[in-house]
Amino acid sequence: MPEISIVIPCRNEAANLPLLLDEIGAAMAGRAFEVIVVDDGSTDGTTSVLAAQAVLRPFPLRHLRHEKSAGQSFS
């Protein structure tokens, strides 16, 4: 079970997420952690990118999606 949960709100960040996940993985090396991405109605393929990244990452990566944008503070 992860000791740390990193929650990332996002909207239309498909191009940026792989690099961000690389940086988080490097910074958190040796720790038990998970990443939870809360997607605020992205329309740029964020869902597909996160599905692919979840398979590649050595840490748990969860994706929660809002079908409609409700604003970053809601995420």
PDB file of N, CA and C in Angstrom:
ATOM      1  N   MET A   1       0.841  -1.178   0.000  1.00  0.00           N
ATOM      2  CA  MET A   1       0.000   0.000   0.000  1.00  0.00           C
ATOM      3  C   MET A   1       0.889   1.245   0.000  1.00  0.00           C
ATOM      4  N   PRO A   2       0.574   2.217  -0.856  1.00  0.00           N
ATOM      5  CA  PRO A   2       1.406   3.419  -0.931  1.00  0.00           C
ATOM      6  C   PRO A   2       1.336   4.248   0.356  1.00  0.00           C
ATOM      7  N   GLU A   3       2.467   4.830   0.707  1.00  0.00           N
ATOM      8  CA  GLU A   3       2.516   5.737   1.850  1.00  0.00           C
ATOM      9  C   GLU A   3       2.111   7.148   1.449  1.00  0.00           C
ATOM     10  N   ILE A   4       2.305   7.469   0.178  1.00  0.00           N
ATOM     11  CA  ILE A   4       2.055   8.823  -0.324  1.00  0.00           C
ATOM     12  C   ILE A   4       1.166   8.743  -1.556  1.00  0.00           C
ATOM     13  N   SER A   5       0.165   9.606  -1.611  1.00  0.00           N
ATOM     14  CA  SER A   5      -0.681   9.743  -2.802  1.00  0.00           C
ATOM     15  C   SER A   5      -0.453  11.135  -3.373  1.00  0.00           C
ATOM     16  N   ILE A   6      -0.078  11.189  -4.631  1.00  0.00           N
ATOM     17  CA  ILE A   6       0.121  12.458  -5.328  1.00  0.00           C
ATOM     18  C   ILE A   6      -1.082  12.643  -6.239  1.00  0.00           C
ATOM     19  N   VAL A   7      -1.834  13.714  -6.013  1.00  0.00           N
ATOM     20  CA  VAL A   7      -3.048  13.977  -6.778  1.00  0.00           C
ATOM     21  C   VAL A   7      -2.771  15.127  -7.734  1.00  0.00           C
ATOM     22  N   ILE A   8      -3.047  14.884  -9.027  1.00  0.00           N
ATOM     23  CA  ILE A   8      -2.786  15.876 -10.061  1.00  0.00           C
ATOM     24  C   ILE A   8      -4.087  16.210 -10.778  1.00  0.00           C
ATOM     25  N   PRO A   9      -4.605  17.420 -10.619  1.00  0.00           N
ATOM     26  CA  PRO A   9      -5.753  17.822 -11.431  1.00  0.00           C
ATOM     27  C   PRO A   9      -5.243  18.217 -12.817  1.00  0.00           C
ATOM     28  N   CYS A  10      -5.983  17.865 -13.862  1.00  0.00           N
ATOM     29  CA  CYS A  10      -5.534  18.244 -15.201  1.00  0.00           C
ATOM     30  C   CYS A  10      -6.714  18.413 -16.147  1.00  0.00           C
ATOM     31  N   ARG A  11      -6.460  19.138 -17.215  1.00  0.00           N
ATOM     32  CA  ARG A  11      -7.402  19.258 -18.323  1.00  0.00           C
ATOM     33  C   ARG A  11      -6.580  19.512 -19.575  1.00  0.00           C
ATOM     34  N   ASN A  12      -6.724  18.635 -20.554  1.00  0.00           N
ATOM     35  CA  ASN A  12      -6.009  18.747 -21.826  1.00  0.00           C
ATOM     36  C   ASN A  12      -4.492  18.860 -21.629  1.00  0.00           C
ATOM     37  N   GLU A  13      -3.941  17.904 -20.916  1.00  0.00           N
ATOM     38  CA  GLU A  13      -2.498  17.866 -20.641  1.00  0.00           C
ATOM     39  C   GLU A  13      -1.838  16.620 -21.212  1.00  0.00           C
ATOM     40  N   ALA A  14      -2.410  16.034 -22.245  1.00  0.00           N
ATOM     41  CA  ALA A  14      -1.874  14.788 -22.808  1.00  0.00           C
ATOM     42  C   ALA A  14      -0.400  14.910 -23.179  1.00  0.00           C
ATOM     43  N   ALA A  15      -0.012  16.026 -23.747  1.00  0.00           N
ATOM     44  CA  ALA A  15       1.371  16.199 -24.187  1.00  0.00           C
ATOM     45  C   ALA A  15       2.338  16.347 -23.014  1.00  0.00           C
ATOM     46  N   ASN A  16       1.863  16.814 -21.881  1.00  0.00           N
ATOM     47  CA  ASN A  16       2.735  17.093 -20.739  1.00  0.00           C
ATOM     48  C   ASN A  16       2.817  15.964 -19.715  1.00  0.00           C
ATOM     49  N   LEU A  17       1.829  15.094 -19.682  1.00  0.00           N
ATOM     50  CA  LEU A  17       1.766  14.081 -18.623  1.00  0.00           C
ATOM     51  C   LEU A  17       2.928  13.090 -18.619  1.00  0.00           C
ATOM     52  N   PRO A  18       3.381  12.565 -19.760  1.00  0.00           N
ATOM     53  CA  PRO A  18       4.498  11.606 -19.694  1.00  0.00           C
ATOM     54  C   PRO A  18       5.748  12.186 -19.027  1.00  0.00           C
ATOM     55  N   LEU A  19       6.114  13.407 -19.377  1.00  0.00           N
ATOM     56  CA  LEU A  19       7.292  14.027 -18.759  1.00  0.00           C
ATOM     57  C   LEU A  19       7.056  14.281 -17.273  1.00  0.00           C
ATOM     58  N   LEU A  20       5.880  14.750 -16.918  1.00  0.00           N
ATOM     59  CA  LEU A  20       5.564  14.972 -15.505  1.00  0.00           C
ATOM     60  C   LEU A  20       5.675  13.670 -14.717  1.00  0.00           C
ATOM     61  N   LEU A  21       5.150  12.583 -15.273  1.00  0.00           N
ATOM     62  CA  LEU A  21       5.227  11.287 -14.593  1.00  0.00           C
ATOM     63  C   LEU A  21       6.669  10.797 -14.480  1.00  0.00           C
ATOM     64  N   ASP A  22       7.491  11.068 -15.499  1.00  0.00           N
ATOM     65  CA  ASP A  22       8.929  10.753 -15.410  1.00  0.00           C
ATOM     66  C   ASP A  22       9.560  11.485 -14.231  1.00  0.00           C
ATOM     67  N   GLU A  23       9.259  12.782 -14.124  1.00  0.00           N
ATOM     68  CA  GLU A  23       9.851  13.605 -13.075  1.00  0.00           C
ATOM     69  C   GLU A  23       9.386  13.160 -11.685  1.00  0.00           C
ATOM     70  N   ILE A  24       8.118  12.830 -11.566  1.00  0.00           N
ATOM     71  CA  ILE A  24       7.606  12.347 -10.277  1.00  0.00           C
ATOM     72  C   ILE A  24       8.279  11.027  -9.910  1.00  0.00           C
ATOM     73  N   GLY A  25       8.372  10.114 -10.878  1.00  0.00           N
ATOM     74  CA  GLY A  25       9.019   8.829 -10.619  1.00  0.00           C
ATOM     75  C   GLY A  25      10.455   8.988 -10.150  1.00  0.00           C
ATOM     76  N   ALA A  26      11.194   9.908 -10.777  1.00  0.00           N
ATOM     77  CA  ALA A  26      12.584  10.141 -10.381  1.00  0.00           C
ATOM     78  C   ALA A  26      12.663  10.761  -8.985  1.00  0.00           C
ATOM     79  N   ALA A  27      11.802  11.715  -8.711  1.00  0.00           N
ATOM     80  CA  ALA A  27      11.823  12.398  -7.414  1.00  0.00           C
ATOM     81  C   ALA A  27      11.396  11.480  -6.270  1.00  0.00           C
ATOM     82  N   MET A  28      10.551  10.518  -6.564  1.00  0.00           N
ATOM     83  CA  MET A  28       9.994   9.649  -5.520  1.00  0.00           C
ATOM     84  C   MET A  28      10.660   8.278  -5.471  1.00  0.00           C
ATOM     85  N   ALA A  29      11.738   8.091  -6.196  1.00  0.00           N
ATOM     86  CA  ALA A  29      12.422   6.791  -6.242  1.00  0.00           C
ATOM     87  C   ALA A  29      12.719   6.287  -4.835  1.00  0.00           C
ATOM     88  N   GLY A  30      12.408   5.021  -4.606  1.00  0.00           N
ATOM     89  CA  GLY A  30      12.664   4.396  -3.321  1.00  0.00           C
ATOM     90  C   GLY A  30      11.550   4.561  -2.303  1.00  0.00           C
ATOM     91  N   ARG A  31      10.501   5.266  -2.682  1.00  0.00           N
ATOM     92  CA  ARG A  31       9.365   5.473  -1.779  1.00  0.00           C
ATOM     93  C   ARG A  31       8.148   4.732  -2.308  1.00  0.00           C
ATOM     94  N   ALA A  32       7.249   4.374  -1.402  1.00  0.00           N
ATOM     95  CA  ALA A  32       5.980   3.746  -1.794  1.00  0.00           C
ATOM     96  C   ALA A  32       4.967   4.863  -2.044  1.00  0.00           C
ATOM     97  N   PHE A  33       4.573   5.035  -3.301  1.00  0.00           N
ATOM     98  CA  PHE A  33       3.654   6.113  -3.645  1.00  0.00           C
ATOM     99  C   PHE A  33       2.750   5.701  -4.796  1.00  0.00           C
ATOM    100  N   GLU A  34       1.703   6.477  -4.971  1.00  0.00           N
ATOM    101  CA  GLU A  34       0.806   6.320  -6.107  1.00  0.00           C
ATOM    102  C   GLU A  34       0.534   7.703  -6.676  1.00  0.00           C
ATOM    103  N   VAL A  35       0.125   7.729  -7.941  1.00  0.00           N
ATOM    104  CA  VAL A  35      -0.273   8.980  -8.583  1.00  0.00           C
ATOM    105  C   VAL A  35      -1.728   8.834  -8.999  1.00  0.00           C
ATOM    106  N   ILE A  36      -2.516   9.834  -8.642  1.00  0.00           N
ATOM    107  CA  ILE A  36      -3.923   9.875  -9.017  1.00  0.00           C
ATOM    108  C   ILE A  36      -4.115  11.116  -9.876  1.00  0.00           C
ATOM    109  N   VAL A  37      -4.509  10.920 -11.126  1.00  0.00           N
ATOM    110  CA  VAL A  37      -4.752  12.040 -12.032  1.00  0.00           C
ATOM    111  C   VAL A  37      -6.254  12.235 -12.139  1.00  0.00           C
ATOM    112  N   VAL A  38      -6.712  13.443 -11.801  1.00  0.00           N
ATOM    113  CA  VAL A  38      -8.127  13.789 -11.895  1.00  0.00           C
ATOM    114  C   VAL A  38      -8.295  14.631 -13.150  1.00  0.00           C
ATOM    115  N   ASP A  39      -8.927  14.042 -14.137  1.00  0.00           N
ATOM    116  CA  ASP A  39      -9.082  14.633 -15.466  1.00  0.00           C
ATOM    117  C   ASP A  39     -10.408  15.394 -15.534  1.00  0.00           C
ATOM    118  N   ASP A  40     -10.314  16.687 -15.761  1.00  0.00           N
ATOM    119  CA  ASP A  40     -11.487  17.558 -15.768  1.00  0.00           C
ATOM    120  C   ASP A  40     -12.051  17.720 -17.180  1.00  0.00           C
ATOM    121  N   GLY A  41     -12.512  16.618 -17.766  1.00  0.00           N
ATOM    122  CA  GLY A  41     -13.182  16.671 -19.061  1.00  0.00           C
ATOM    123  C   GLY A  41     -12.267  16.933 -20.243  1.00  0.00           C
ATOM    124  N   SER A  42     -11.063  16.390 -20.226  1.00  0.00           N
ATOM    125  CA  SER A  42     -10.121  16.603 -21.328  1.00  0.00           C
ATOM    126  C   SER A  42     -10.681  16.114 -22.655  1.00  0.00           C
ATOM    127  N   THR A  43     -10.276  16.804 -23.718  1.00  0.00           N
ATOM    128  CA  THR A  43     -10.704  16.450 -25.073  1.00  0.00           C
ATOM    129  C   THR A  43      -9.514  16.206 -25.998  1.00  0.00           C
ATOM    130  N   ASP A  44      -8.315  16.104 -25.435  1.00  0.00           N
ATOM    131  CA  ASP A  44      -7.099  16.005 -26.242  1.00  0.00           C
ATOM    132  C   ASP A  44      -6.441  14.633 -26.229  1.00  0.00           C
ATOM    133  N   GLY A  45      -7.123  13.614 -25.759  1.00  0.00           N
ATOM    134  CA  GLY A  45      -6.521  12.284 -25.707  1.00  0.00           C
ATOM    135  C   GLY A  45      -5.845  11.964 -24.387  1.00  0.00           C
ATOM    136  N   THR A  46      -6.087  12.772 -23.380  1.00  0.00           N
ATOM    137  CA  THR A  46      -5.502  12.533 -22.062  1.00  0.00           C
ATOM    138  C   THR A  46      -5.837  11.135 -21.551  1.00  0.00           C
ATOM    139  N   THR A  47      -7.060  10.687 -21.770  1.00  0.00           N
ATOM    140  CA  THR A  47      -7.477   9.360 -21.309  1.00  0.00           C
ATOM    141  C   THR A  47      -6.606   8.270 -21.917  1.00  0.00           C
ATOM    142  N   SER A  48      -6.360   8.339 -23.211  1.00  0.00           N
ATOM    143  CA  SER A  48      -5.527   7.336 -23.891  1.00  0.00           C
ATOM    144  C   SER A  48      -4.084   7.379 -23.406  1.00  0.00           C
ATOM    145  N   VAL A  49      -3.571   8.581 -23.228  1.00  0.00           N
ATOM    146  CA  VAL A  49      -2.194   8.726 -22.748  1.00  0.00           C
ATOM    147  C   VAL A  49      -2.055   8.110 -21.361  1.00  0.00           C
ATOM    148  N   LEU A  50      -3.004   8.380 -20.487  1.00  0.00           N
ATOM    149  CA  LEU A  50      -2.932   7.833 -19.129  1.00  0.00           C
ATOM    150  C   LEU A  50      -3.085   6.317 -19.114  1.00  0.00           C
ATOM    151  N   ALA A  51      -3.917   5.780 -19.986  1.00  0.00           N
ATOM    152  CA  ALA A  51      -4.059   4.320 -20.067  1.00  0.00           C
ATOM    153  C   ALA A  51      -2.732   3.684 -20.475  1.00  0.00           C
ATOM    154  N   ALA A  52      -2.066   4.278 -21.452  1.00  0.00           N
ATOM    155  CA  ALA A  52      -0.769   3.753 -21.893  1.00  0.00           C
ATOM    156  C   ALA A  52       0.287   3.917 -20.802  1.00  0.00           C
ATOM    157  N   GLN A  53       0.291   5.052 -20.137  1.00  0.00           N
ATOM    158  CA  GLN A  53       1.272   5.314 -19.084  1.00  0.00           C
ATOM    159  C   GLN A  53       1.093   4.379 -17.891  1.00  0.00           C
ATOM    160  N   ALA A  54      -0.139   4.030 -17.585  1.00  0.00           N
ATOM    161  CA  ALA A  54      -0.411   3.144 -16.444  1.00  0.00           C
ATOM    162  C   ALA A  54       0.265   1.788 -16.619  1.00  0.00           C
ATOM    163  N   VAL A  55       0.376   1.329 -17.849  1.00  0.00           N
ATOM    164  CA  VAL A  55       1.018   0.043 -18.136  1.00  0.00           C
ATOM    165  C   VAL A  55       2.541   0.158 -18.014  1.00  0.00           C
ATOM    166  N   LEU A  56       3.073   1.316 -18.344  1.00  0.00           N
ATOM    167  CA  LEU A  56       4.522   1.510 -18.385  1.00  0.00           C
ATOM    168  C   LEU A  56       5.157   1.832 -17.036  1.00  0.00           C
ATOM    169  N   ARG A  57       4.393   2.372 -16.136  1.00  0.00           N
ATOM    170  CA  ARG A  57       4.947   2.896 -14.882  1.00  0.00           C
ATOM    171  C   ARG A  57       5.114   1.815 -13.822  1.00  0.00           C
ATOM    172  N   PRO A  58       6.205   1.893 -13.033  1.00  0.00           N
ATOM    173  CA  PRO A  58       6.406   0.922 -11.955  1.00  0.00           C
ATOM    174  C   PRO A  58       5.620   1.271 -10.691  1.00  0.00           C
ATOM    175  N   PHE A  59       4.921   2.387 -10.704  1.00  0.00           N
ATOM    176  CA  PHE A  59       4.116   2.812  -9.560  1.00  0.00           C
ATOM    177  C   PHE A  59       2.643   2.818  -9.959  1.00  0.00           C
ATOM    178  N   PRO A  60       1.739   2.683  -8.987  1.00  0.00           N
ATOM    179  CA  PRO A  60       0.308   2.723  -9.308  1.00  0.00           C
ATOM    180  C   PRO A  60      -0.085   4.094  -9.865  1.00  0.00           C
ATOM    181  N   LEU A  61      -0.803   4.067 -10.975  1.00  0.00           N
ATOM    182  CA  LEU A  61      -1.290   5.288 -11.616  1.00  0.00           C
ATOM    183  C   LEU A  61      -2.786   5.132 -11.821  1.00  0.00           C
ATOM    184  N   ARG A  62      -3.550   5.967 -11.128  1.00  0.00           N
ATOM    185  CA  ARG A  62      -5.012   5.917 -11.234  1.00  0.00           C
ATOM    186  C   ARG A  62      -5.503   7.136 -11.995  1.00  0.00           C
ATOM    187  N   HIS A  63      -6.579   6.938 -12.725  1.00  0.00           N
ATOM    188  CA  HIS A  63      -7.163   8.007 -13.541  1.00  0.00           C
ATOM    189  C   HIS A  63      -8.637   8.146 -13.183  1.00  0.00           C
ATOM    190  N   LEU A  64      -9.002   9.298 -12.664  1.00  0.00           N
ATOM    191  CA  LEU A  64     -10.399   9.613 -12.386  1.00  0.00           C
ATOM    192  C   LEU A  64     -10.817  10.680 -13.387  1.00  0.00           C
ATOM    193  N   ARG A  65     -11.960  10.469 -14.057  1.00  0.00           N
ATOM    194  CA  ARG A  65     -12.340  11.379 -15.138  1.00  0.00           C
ATOM    195  C   ARG A  65     -13.720  11.961 -14.912  1.00  0.00           C
ATOM    196  N   HIS A  66     -13.805  13.282 -15.074  1.00  0.00           N
ATOM    197  CA  HIS A  66     -15.100  13.962 -15.143  1.00  0.00           C
ATOM    198  C   HIS A  66     -15.460  14.067 -16.620  1.00  0.00           C
ATOM    199  N   GLU A  67     -16.652  13.673 -16.985  1.00  0.00           N
ATOM    200  CA  GLU A  67     -17.066  13.744 -18.391  1.00  0.00           C
ATOM    201  C   GLU A  67     -17.151  15.185 -18.881  1.00  0.00           C
ATOM    202  N   LYS A  68     -17.612  16.084 -18.017  1.00  0.00           N
ATOM    203  CA  LYS A  68     -17.703  17.504 -18.363  1.00  0.00           C
ATOM    204  C   LYS A  68     -16.758  18.283 -17.462  1.00  0.00           C
ATOM    205  N   SER A  69     -16.202  19.348 -18.012  1.00  0.00           N
ATOM    206  CA  SER A  69     -15.327  20.193 -17.219  1.00  0.00           C
ATOM    207  C   SER A  69     -16.122  20.877 -16.114  1.00  0.00           C
ATOM    208  N   ALA A  70     -15.619  20.747 -14.898  1.00  0.00           N
ATOM    209  CA  ALA A  70     -16.261  21.380 -13.748  1.00  0.00           C
ATOM    210  C   ALA A  70     -15.334  22.413 -13.112  1.00  0.00           C
ATOM    211  N   GLY A  71     -14.175  22.614 -13.698  1.00  0.00           N
ATOM    212  CA  GLY A  71     -13.207  23.563 -13.158  1.00  0.00           C
ATOM    213  C   GLY A  71     -12.147  22.862 -12.333  1.00  0.00           C
ATOM    214  N   GLN A  72     -10.959  23.448 -12.332  1.00  0.00           N
ATOM    215  CA  GLN A  72      -9.826  22.825 -11.660  1.00  0.00           C
ATOM    216  C   GLN A  72     -10.060  22.672 -10.163  1.00  0.00           C
ATOM    217  N   SER A  73     -10.697  23.629  -9.539  1.00  0.00           N
ATOM    218  CA  SER A  73     -10.905  23.522  -8.094  1.00  0.00           C
ATOM    219  C   SER A  73     -11.827  22.361  -7.737  1.00  0.00           C
ATOM    220  N   PHE A  74     -12.745  22.009  -8.628  1.00  0.00           N
ATOM    221  CA  PHE A  74     -13.629  20.871  -8.399  1.00  0.00           C
ATOM    222  C   PHE A  74     -12.852  19.565  -8.469  1.00  0.00           C
ATOM    223  N   SER A  75     -11.880  19.520  -9.381  1.00  0.00           N
ATOM    224  CA  SER A  75     -11.062  18.317  -9.538  1.00  0.00           C
ATOM    225  C   SER A  75     -10.253  18.080  -8.297  1.00  0.00           C
TER     226      SER A  75
END
